[in-house]
PDB file of N, CA and C in Angstrom:
ATOM      1  N   MET A   1     111.315 168.595-164.867  1.00  0.00           N
ATOM      2  CA  MET A   1     111.425 168.643-163.427  1.00  0.00           C
ATOM      3  C   MET A   1     112.680 167.919-162.946  1.00  0.00           C
ATOM      4  N   LYS A   2     112.982 166.803-163.618  1.00  0.00           N
ATOM      5  CA  LYS A   2     114.167 166.031-163.261  1.00  0.00           C
ATOM      6  C   LYS A   2     115.444 166.845-163.473  1.00  0.00           C
ATOM      7  N   LYS A   3     115.472 167.609-164.542  1.00  0.00           N
ATOM      8  CA  LYS A   3     116.648 168.425-164.836  1.00  0.00           C
ATOM      9  C   LYS A   3     116.837 169.508-163.788  1.00  0.00           C
ATOM     10  N   LEU A   4     115.753 170.084-163.313  1.00  0.00           N
ATOM     11  CA  LEU A   4     115.827 171.123-162.291  1.00  0.00           C
ATOM     12  C   LEU A   4     116.371 170.551-160.980  1.00  0.00           C
ATOM     13  N   VAL A   5     115.890 169.380-160.598  1.00  0.00           N
ATOM     14  CA  VAL A   5     116.375 168.737-159.374  1.00  0.00           C
ATOM     15  C   VAL A   5     117.854 168.405-159.514  1.00  0.00           C
ATOM     16  N   ARG A   6     118.251 167.895-160.655  1.00  0.00           N
ATOM     17  CA  ARG A   6     119.652 167.564-160.906  1.00  0.00           C
ATOM     18  C   ARG A   6     120.525 168.816-160.851  1.00  0.00           C
ATOM     19  N   LEU A   7     120.042 169.906-161.429  1.00  0.00           N
ATOM     20  CA  LEU A   7     120.780 171.167-161.403  1.00  0.00           C
ATOM     21  C   LEU A   7     120.927 171.680-159.972  1.00  0.00           C
ATOM     22  N   LEU A   8     119.851 171.638-159.200  1.00  0.00           N
ATOM     23  CA  LEU A   8     119.911 172.099-157.814  1.00  0.00           C
ATOM     24  C   LEU A   8     120.847 171.234-156.971  1.00  0.00           C
ATOM     25  N   LEU A   9     120.815 169.940-157.169  1.00  0.00           N
ATOM     26  CA  LEU A   9     121.733 169.046-156.456  1.00  0.00           C
ATOM     27  C   LEU A   9     123.182 169.309-156.845  1.00  0.00           C
ATOM     28  N   THR A  10     123.423 169.576-158.107  1.00  0.00           N
ATOM     29  CA  THR A  10     124.766 169.882-158.574  1.00  0.00           C
ATOM     30  C   THR A  10     125.267 171.180-157.956  1.00  0.00           C
ATOM     31  N   ILE A  11     124.413 172.181-157.895  1.00  0.00           N
ATOM     32  CA  ILE A  11     124.794 173.463-157.286  1.00  0.00           C
ATOM     33  C   ILE A  11     125.072 173.279-155.795  1.00  0.00           C
ATOM     34  N   ALA A  12     124.229 172.520-155.098  1.00  0.00           N
ATOM     35  CA  ALA A  12     124.431 172.277-153.670  1.00  0.00           C
ATOM     36  C   ALA A  12     125.727 171.510-153.416  1.00  0.00           C
ATOM     37  N   LEU A  13     126.015 170.529-154.234  1.00  0.00           N
ATOM     38  CA  LEU A  13     127.249 169.761-154.089  1.00  0.00           C
ATOM     39  C   LEU A  13     128.466 170.638-154.360  1.00  0.00           C
ATOM     40  N   ALA A  14     128.408 171.443-155.392  1.00  0.00           N
ATOM     41  CA  ALA A  14     129.520 172.345-155.706  1.00  0.00           C
ATOM     42  C   ALA A  14     129.760 173.327-154.565  1.00  0.00           C
ATOM     43  N   PHE A  15     128.679 173.849-153.986  1.00  0.00           N
ATOM     44  CA  PHE A  15     128.806 174.765-152.864  1.00  0.00           C
ATOM     45  C   PHE A  15     129.446 174.073-151.663  1.00  0.00           C
ATOM     46  N   ALA A  16     129.024 172.853-151.369  1.00  0.00           N
ATOM     47  CA  ALA A  16     129.575 172.100-150.235  1.00  0.00           C
ATOM     48  C   ALA A  16     131.059 171.794-150.444  1.00  0.00           C
ATOM     49  N   VAL A  17     131.419 171.402-151.650  1.00  0.00           N
ATOM     50  CA  VAL A  17     132.821 171.098-151.949  1.00  0.00           C
ATOM     51  C   VAL A  17     133.670 172.367-151.848  1.00  0.00           C
ATOM     52  N   PHE A  18     133.199 173.456-152.402  1.00  0.00           N
ATOM     53  CA  PHE A  18     133.948 174.710-152.349  1.00  0.00           C
ATOM     54  C   PHE A  18     134.111 175.187-150.909  1.00  0.00           C
ATOM     55  N   THR A  19     133.043 175.136-150.133  1.00  0.00           N
ATOM     56  CA  THR A  19     133.101 175.576-148.744  1.00  0.00           C
ATOM     57  C   THR A  19     134.036 174.683-147.931  1.00  0.00           C
ATOM     58  N   GLY A  20     133.934 173.387-148.122  1.00  0.00           N
ATOM     59  CA  GLY A  20     134.813 172.456-147.420  1.00  0.00           C
ATOM     60  C   GLY A  20     136.272 172.660-147.776  1.00  0.00           C
ATOM     61  N   PHE A  21     136.550 172.882-149.047  1.00  0.00           N
ATOM     62  CA  PHE A  21     137.922 173.137-149.478  1.00  0.00           C
ATOM     63  C   PHE A  21     138.443 174.422-148.870  1.00  0.00           C
ATOM     64  N   ARG A  22     137.629 175.462-148.865  1.00  0.00           N
ATOM     65  CA  ARG A  22     138.041 176.763-148.314  1.00  0.00           C
ATOM     66  C   ARG A  22     138.312 176.655-146.822  1.00  0.00           C
ATOM     67  N   TRP A  23     137.469 175.906-146.096  1.00  0.00           N
ATOM     68  CA  TRP A  23     137.668 175.697-144.672  1.00  0.00           C
ATOM     69  C   TRP A  23     138.954 174.908-144.417  1.00  0.00           C
ATOM     70  N   TYR A  24     139.164 173.830-145.161  1.00  0.00           N
ATOM     71  CA  TYR A  24     140.367 173.004-144.970  1.00  0.00           C
ATOM     72  C   TYR A  24     141.629 173.801-145.288  1.00  0.00           C
ATOM     73  N   ARG A  25     141.570 174.634-146.307  1.00  0.00           N
ATOM     74  CA  ARG A  25     142.716 175.468-146.651  1.00  0.00           C
ATOM     75  C   ARG A  25     143.035 176.438-145.519  1.00  0.00           C
ATOM     76  N   TYR A  26     142.020 176.953-144.854  1.00  0.00           N
ATOM     77  CA  TYR A  26     142.239 177.847-143.714  1.00  0.00           C
ATOM     78  C   TYR A  26     142.865 177.087-142.546  1.00  0.00           C
ATOM     79  N   ILE A  27     142.374 175.905-142.248  1.00  0.00           N
ATOM     80  CA  ILE A  27     142.852 175.116-141.122  1.00  0.00           C
ATOM     81  C   ILE A  27     144.309 174.711-141.306  1.00  0.00           C
ATOM     82  N   THR A  28     144.707 174.408-142.520  1.00  0.00           N
ATOM     83  CA  THR A  28     146.060 173.927-142.771  1.00  0.00           C
ATOM     84  C   THR A  28     147.025 175.027-143.201  1.00  0.00           C
ATOM     85  N   ASN A  29     146.605 176.300-143.138  1.00  0.00           N
ATOM     86  CA  ASN A  29     147.488 177.378-143.570  1.00  0.00           C
ATOM     87  C   ASN A  29     148.604 177.593-142.567  1.00  0.00           C
ATOM     88  N   THR A  30     149.646 178.266-142.983  1.00  0.00           N
ATOM     89  CA  THR A  30     150.767 178.582-142.098  1.00  0.00           C
ATOM     90  C   THR A  30     151.043 180.076-142.056  1.00  0.00           C
ATOM     91  N   ASP A  31     150.142 180.879-142.620  1.00  0.00           N
ATOM     92  CA  ASP A  31     150.350 182.326-142.670  1.00  0.00           C
ATOM     93  C   ASP A  31     149.777 183.036-141.455  1.00  0.00           C
ATOM     94  N   SER A  32     148.485 182.888-141.232  1.00  0.00           N
ATOM     95  CA  SER A  32     147.814 183.614-140.157  1.00  0.00           C
ATOM     96  C   SER A  32     146.521 182.899-139.769  1.00  0.00           C
ATOM     97  N   PRO A  33     146.212 182.874-138.461  1.00  0.00           N
ATOM     98  CA  PRO A  33     144.948 182.273-138.040  1.00  0.00           C
ATOM     99  C   PRO A  33     143.784 183.265-138.083  1.00  0.00           C
ATOM    100  N   TYR A  34     144.011 184.466-138.600  1.00  0.00           N
ATOM    101  CA  TYR A  34     143.008 185.532-138.528  1.00  0.00           C
ATOM    102  C   TYR A  34     142.344 185.855-139.858  1.00  0.00           C
ATOM    103  N   ASP A  35     142.199 184.887-140.735  1.00  0.00           N
ATOM    104  CA  ASP A  35     141.482 185.061-141.997  1.00  0.00           C
ATOM    105  C   ASP A  35     139.986 185.097-141.693  1.00  0.00           C
ATOM    106  N   GLU A  36     139.315 186.178-142.055  1.00  0.00           N
ATOM    107  CA  GLU A  36     137.919 186.379-141.673  1.00  0.00           C
ATOM    108  C   GLU A  36     136.989 185.286-142.196  1.00  0.00           C
ATOM    109  N   ILE A  37     137.160 184.913-143.442  1.00  0.00           N
ATOM    110  CA  ILE A  37     136.291 183.882-144.027  1.00  0.00           C
ATOM    111  C   ILE A  37     136.557 182.535-143.358  1.00  0.00           C
ATOM    112  N   GLY A  38     137.816 182.216-143.141  1.00  0.00           N
ATOM    113  CA  GLY A  38     138.164 180.959-142.474  1.00  0.00           C
ATOM    114  C   GLY A  38     137.631 180.883-141.062  1.00  0.00           C
ATOM    115  N   ILE A  39     137.722 181.991-140.328  1.00  0.00           N
ATOM    116  CA  ILE A  39     137.195 182.027-138.967  1.00  0.00           C
ATOM    117  C   ILE A  39     135.689 181.781-138.981  1.00  0.00           C
ATOM    118  N   THR A  40     134.994 182.437-139.898  1.00  0.00           N
ATOM    119  CA  THR A  40     133.542 182.274-139.997  1.00  0.00           C
ATOM    120  C   THR A  40     133.175 180.835-140.339  1.00  0.00           C
ATOM    121  N   LEU A  41     133.875 180.243-141.298  1.00  0.00           N
ATOM    122  CA  LEU A  41     133.589 178.859-141.678  1.00  0.00           C
ATOM    123  C   LEU A  41     133.881 177.899-140.530  1.00  0.00           C
ATOM    124  N   ASN A  42     135.011 178.079-139.855  1.00  0.00           N
ATOM    125  CA  ASN A  42     135.357 177.185-138.757  1.00  0.00           C
ATOM    126  C   ASN A  42     134.361 177.324-137.612  1.00  0.00           C
ATOM    127  N   ASN A  43     133.923 178.532-137.338  1.00  0.00           N
ATOM    128  CA  ASN A  43     132.962 178.751-136.272  1.00  0.00           C
ATOM    129  C   ASN A  43     131.598 178.139-136.608  1.00  0.00           C
ATOM    130  N   ALA A  44     131.267 178.028-137.886  1.00  0.00           N
ATOM    131  CA  ALA A  44     129.983 177.469-138.312  1.00  0.00           C
ATOM    132  C   ALA A  44     129.992 175.943-138.376  1.00  0.00           C
ATOM    133  N   MET A  45     131.162 175.337-138.278  1.00  0.00           N
ATOM    134  CA  MET A  45     131.244 173.876-138.346  1.00  0.00           C
ATOM    135  C   MET A  45     130.668 173.235-137.088  1.00  0.00           C
ATOM    136  N   PRO A  46     130.154 172.005-137.213  1.00  0.00           N
ATOM    137  CA  PRO A  46     129.649 171.293-136.031  1.00  0.00           C
ATOM    138  C   PRO A  46     130.770 171.082-135.002  1.00  0.00           C
ATOM    139  N   GLY A  47     130.404 170.832-133.763  1.00  0.00           N
ATOM    140  CA  GLY A  47     131.329 170.722-132.641  1.00  0.00           C
ATOM    141  C   GLY A  47     132.602 169.920-132.870  1.00  0.00           C
ATOM    142  N   PRO A  48     132.517 168.648-133.259  1.00  0.00           N
ATOM    143  CA  PRO A  48     133.744 167.862-133.424  1.00  0.00           C
ATOM    144  C   PRO A  48     134.646 168.387-134.546  1.00  0.00           C
ATOM    145  N   ILE A  49     134.069 168.857-135.618  1.00  0.00           N
ATOM    146  CA  ILE A  49     134.868 169.378-136.724  1.00  0.00           C
ATOM    147  C   ILE A  49     135.527 170.691-136.315  1.00  0.00           C
ATOM    148  N   ASN A  50     134.786 171.539-135.607  1.00  0.00           N
ATOM    149  CA  ASN A  50     135.346 172.788-135.094  1.00  0.00           C
ATOM    150  C   ASN A  50     136.479 172.504-134.119  1.00  0.00           C
ATOM    151  N   ALA A  51     136.288 171.531-133.236  1.00  0.00           N
ATOM    152  CA  ALA A  51     137.325 171.184-132.259  1.00  0.00           C
ATOM    153  C   ALA A  51     138.588 170.689-132.961  1.00  0.00           C
ATOM    154  N   TRP A  52     138.430 169.874-134.004  1.00  0.00           N
ATOM    155  CA  TRP A  52     139.591 169.388-134.746  1.00  0.00           C
ATOM    156  C   TRP A  52     140.301 170.544-135.438  1.00  0.00           C
ATOM    157  N   GLY A  53     139.525 171.450-136.036  1.00  0.00           N
ATOM    158  CA  GLY A  53     140.110 172.605-136.697  1.00  0.00           C
ATOM    159  C   GLY A  53     140.851 173.493-135.721  1.00  0.00           C
ATOM    160  N   CYS A  54     140.268 173.715-134.551  1.00  0.00           N
ATOM    161  CA  CYS A  54     140.928 174.542-133.534  1.00  0.00           C
ATOM    162  C   CYS A  54     142.212 173.882-133.038  1.00  0.00           C
ATOM    163  N   ALA A  55     142.187 172.561-132.873  1.00  0.00           N
ATOM    164  CA  ALA A  55     143.390 171.854-132.440  1.00  0.00           C
ATOM    165  C   ALA A  55     144.492 171.976-133.491  1.00  0.00           C
ATOM    166  N   LYS A  56     144.110 171.877-134.742  1.00  0.00           N
ATOM    167  CA  LYS A  56     145.088 172.003-135.829  1.00  0.00           C
ATOM    168  C   LYS A  56     145.671 173.420-135.856  1.00  0.00           C
ATOM    169  N   LEU A  57     144.813 174.435-135.689  1.00  0.00           N
ATOM    170  CA  LEU A  57     145.295 175.815-135.649  1.00  0.00           C
ATOM    171  C   LEU A  57     146.174 176.050-134.427  1.00  0.00           C
ATOM    172  N   LYS A  58     145.809 175.461-133.298  1.00  0.00           N
ATOM    173  CA  LYS A  58     146.617 175.628-132.087  1.00  0.00           C
ATOM    174  C   LYS A  58     147.997 175.021-132.267  1.00  0.00           C
ATOM    175  N   THR A  59     148.080 173.904-132.970  1.00  0.00           N
ATOM    176  CA  THR A  59     149.370 173.280-133.241  1.00  0.00           C
ATOM    177  C   THR A  59     150.265 174.224-134.048  1.00  0.00           C
ATOM    178  N   THR A  60     149.671 174.906-135.012  1.00  0.00           N
ATOM    179  CA  THR A  60     150.435 175.799-135.876  1.00  0.00           C
ATOM    180  C   THR A  60     150.678 177.160-135.244  1.00  0.00           C
ATOM    181  N   PHE A  61     149.669 177.715-134.574  1.00  0.00           N
ATOM    182  CA  PHE A  61     149.738 179.082-134.057  1.00  0.00           C
ATOM    183  C   PHE A  61     149.534 179.141-132.549  1.00  0.00           C
ATOM    184  N   GLY A  62     150.017 178.188-131.813  1.00  0.00           N
ATOM    185  CA  GLY A  62     149.779 178.097-130.382  1.00  0.00           C
ATOM    186  C   GLY A  62     150.281 179.267-129.565  1.00  0.00           C
ATOM    187  N   SER A  63     151.270 179.987-130.058  1.00  0.00           N
ATOM    188  CA  SER A  63     151.839 181.098-129.287  1.00  0.00           C
ATOM    189  C   SER A  63     151.091 182.412-129.493  1.00  0.00           C
ATOM    190  N   SER A  64     150.147 182.459-130.433  1.00  0.00           N
ATOM    191  CA  SER A  64     149.397 183.694-130.673  1.00  0.00           C
ATOM    192  C   SER A  64     148.000 183.593-130.067  1.00  0.00           C
ATOM    193  N   LEU A  65     147.281 184.701-130.058  1.00  0.00           N
ATOM    194  CA  LEU A  65     145.914 184.699-129.552  1.00  0.00           C
ATOM    195  C   LEU A  65     145.023 183.858-130.457  1.00  0.00           C
ATOM    196  N   PRO A  66     144.093 183.116-129.892  1.00  0.00           N
ATOM    197  CA  PRO A  66     143.226 182.271-130.716  1.00  0.00           C
ATOM    198  C   PRO A  66     142.196 183.099-131.472  1.00  0.00           C
ATOM    199  N   PRO A  67     141.810 182.654-132.665  1.00  0.00           N
ATOM    200  CA  PRO A  67     140.751 183.346-133.404  1.00  0.00           C
ATOM    201  C   PRO A  67     139.387 183.066-132.771  1.00  0.00           C
ATOM    202  N   TYR A  68     138.413 183.847-133.157  1.00  0.00           N
ATOM    203  CA  TYR A  68     137.045 183.670-132.659  1.00  0.00           C
ATOM    204  C   TYR A  68     136.571 182.256-132.976  1.00  0.00           C
ATOM    205  N   GLY A  69     135.987 181.609-132.028  1.00  0.00           N
ATOM    206  CA  GLY A  69     135.508 180.246-132.208  1.00  0.00           C
ATOM    207  C   GLY A  69     136.465 179.214-131.651  1.00  0.00           C
ATOM    208  N   CYS A  70     137.720 179.605-131.425  1.00  0.00           N
ATOM    209  CA  CYS A  70     138.713 178.701-130.850  1.00  0.00           C
ATOM    210  C   CYS A  70     139.189 179.189-129.487  1.00  0.00           C
ATOM    211  N   ALA A  71     138.642 180.286-129.021  1.00  0.00           N
ATOM    212  CA  ALA A  71     139.077 180.851-127.751  1.00  0.00           C
ATOM    213  C   ALA A  71     138.263 180.266-126.602  1.00  0.00           C
ATOM    214  N   ALA A  72     138.907 180.153-125.454  1.00  0.00           N
ATOM    215  CA  ALA A  72     138.229 179.718-124.225  1.00  0.00           C
ATOM    216  C   ALA A  72     137.388 180.891-123.701  1.00  0.00           C
ATOM    217  N   GLU A  73     136.825 180.725-122.533  1.00  0.00           N
ATOM    218  CA  GLU A  73     135.940 181.738-121.957  1.00  0.00           C
ATOM    219  C   GLU A  73     136.618 183.096-121.781  1.00  0.00           C
ATOM    220  N   ASN A  74     137.909 183.121-121.462  1.00  0.00           N
ATOM    221  CA  ASN A  74     138.592 184.386-121.217  1.00  0.00           C
ATOM    222  C   ASN A  74     139.108 185.045-122.502  1.00  0.00           C
ATOM    223  N   ALA A  75     138.939 184.424-123.648  1.00  0.00           N
ATOM    224  CA  ALA A  75     139.326 184.930-124.976  1.00  0.00           C
ATOM    225  C   ALA A  75     140.827 185.086-125.146  1.00  0.00           C
ATOM    226  N   ILE A  76     141.605 184.588-124.211  1.00  0.00           N
ATOM    227  CA  ILE A  76     143.064 184.669-124.330  1.00  0.00           C
ATOM    228  C   ILE A  76     143.664 183.305-124.543  1.00  0.00           C
ATOM    229  N   GLN A  77     143.037 182.272-123.999  1.00  0.00           N
ATOM    230  CA  GLN A  77     143.552 180.918-124.112  1.00  0.00           C
ATOM    231  C   GLN A  77     142.787 180.137-125.172  1.00  0.00           C
ATOM    232  N   TRP A  78     143.452 179.144-125.731  1.00  0.00           N
ATOM    233  CA  TRP A  78     142.816 178.258-126.703  1.00  0.00           C
ATOM    234  C   TRP A  78     141.870 177.307-125.985  1.00  0.00           C
ATOM    235  N   LYS A  79     140.881 176.815-126.696  1.00  0.00           N
ATOM    236  CA  LYS A  79     139.952 175.807-126.139  1.00  0.00           C
ATOM    237  C   LYS A  79     140.697 174.559-125.771  1.00  0.00           C
TER     238      LYS A  79
END
């Protein structure tokens, strides 16, 4: 039973690390703010983390339309 719990914890930790790395890579990219997986991950993040990610994307891509999750009510302006 102990081995099963350890295996499940290891899988959960690996998933969290991979997801966090993938999200951070999207936030710090310089190619495009429209990566589908990155948008989904950023939109799923809690409020303060999402706000930080959107601010970072706005710094890099401020002249383009914001991706889903970083747009204001009118979908044209950044949050």
